[in-house]
Amino acid sequence: MQVKGHRPTVVVEVTVQEVFFHCAKAFLRSGLWDPDSWPADDLPSVAAIAKHVSPQESLAALEQHYEPTHYETLLYRG
């Protein structure tokens, strides 16, 4: 789980009990792996989710805290 010599602060382990195979071409055509094809407004940001857990924090402070490069630094601090 190490990245560049740093262990993550949080790890999620997933156990798969059953797998259903599908045509590989269907997955490629779906654009599922292309973030540019994902709808932008379907899910709230990490900061917006955190706001519900920590309502005393301002959304601006949470957005700064969970900014992608800062968040990556938090996950892999050594």
Protein backbone atom coordinates (compact mmCIF):
# COMPACT_ATOMS: atom_id res chain seq x y z
CA MET A 1 0.00 0.00 0.00
CA GLN A 2 3.01 2.31 -0.02
CA VAL A 3 3.38 5.12 -2.56
CA LYS A 4 6.78 6.74 -2.91
CA GLY A 5 7.81 5.20 0.40
CA HIS A 6 4.80 6.54 2.34
CA ARG A 7 2.02 4.45 3.84
CA PRO A 8 -1.55 5.78 3.50
CA THR A 9 -3.41 7.05 6.54
CA VAL A 10 -6.60 5.28 5.46
CA VAL A 11 -7.08 2.01 3.56
CA VAL A 12 -10.30 0.43 2.32
CA GLU A 13 -10.30 -3.33 1.83
CA VAL A 14 -12.89 -4.79 -0.52
CA THR A 15 -13.84 -8.46 -0.57
CA VAL A 16 -15.45 -9.67 -3.79
CA GLN A 17 -17.94 -12.49 -3.35
CA GLU A 18 -19.21 -12.76 -6.91
CA VAL A 19 -18.10 -11.44 -10.29
CA PHE A 20 -20.19 -11.15 -13.45
CA PHE A 21 -18.19 -10.90 -16.63
CA HIS A 22 -19.34 -8.66 -19.43
CA CYS A 23 -18.12 -7.96 -22.92
CA ALA A 24 -14.91 -5.92 -22.66
CA LYS A 25 -15.98 -3.81 -25.64
CA ALA A 26 -19.08 -2.69 -23.74
CA PHE A 27 -16.93 -1.34 -20.89
CA LEU A 28 -14.62 0.44 -23.32
CA ARG A 29 -17.53 1.99 -25.20
CA SER A 30 -19.27 3.07 -22.00
CA GLY A 31 -16.63 5.65 -21.12
CA LEU A 32 -16.80 4.38 -17.53
CA TRP A 33 -13.05 4.84 -17.06
CA ASP A 34 -12.95 8.32 -18.59
CA PRO A 35 -13.62 10.94 -15.88
CA ASP A 36 -14.37 13.53 -18.60
CA SER A 37 -17.46 11.50 -19.54
CA TRP A 38 -18.86 11.51 -15.98
CA PRO A 39 -21.68 13.96 -15.18
CA ALA A 40 -20.22 16.81 -13.14
CA ASP A 41 -23.20 17.41 -10.85
CA ASP A 42 -24.28 13.90 -9.85
CA LEU A 43 -22.19 13.66 -6.68
CA PRO A 44 -21.33 16.31 -4.13
CA SER A 45 -17.68 17.18 -3.59
CA VAL A 46 -15.71 15.63 -0.73
CA ALA A 47 -15.85 19.04 0.98
CA ALA A 48 -19.66 19.17 0.68
CA ILE A 49 -19.93 15.68 2.20
CA ALA A 50 -17.54 16.65 5.01
CA LYS A 51 -19.67 19.76 5.69
CA HIS A 52 -22.55 17.47 6.73
CA VAL A 53 -20.23 15.66 9.16
CA SER A 54 -18.57 18.85 10.46
CA PRO A 55 -21.20 21.60 10.17
CA GLN A 56 -19.12 24.00 12.29
CA GLU A 57 -16.46 24.16 9.53
CA SER A 58 -16.98 26.57 6.66
CA LEU A 59 -17.38 25.07 3.20
CA ALA A 60 -14.51 27.26 1.96
CA ALA A 61 -12.16 25.86 4.63
CA LEU A 62 -13.22 22.31 3.81
CA GLU A 63 -12.74 22.88 0.07
CA GLN A 64 -9.21 24.12 0.77
CA HIS A 65 -8.53 21.16 3.08
CA TYR A 66 -9.81 18.58 0.58
CA GLU A 67 -8.25 20.21 -2.49
CA PRO A 68 -6.89 17.24 -4.54
CA THR A 69 -3.15 17.82 -4.11
CA HIS A 70 -3.53 18.67 -0.40
CA TYR A 71 -5.77 15.63 0.14
CA GLU A 72 -3.18 13.36 -1.52
CA THR A 73 -0.51 14.80 0.77
CA LEU A 74 -2.72 14.05 3.80
CA LEU A 75 -3.29 10.46 2.71
CA TYR A 76 0.38 9.72 2.15
CA ARG A 77 2.14 11.77 4.80
CA GLY A 78 5.14 9.99 6.20
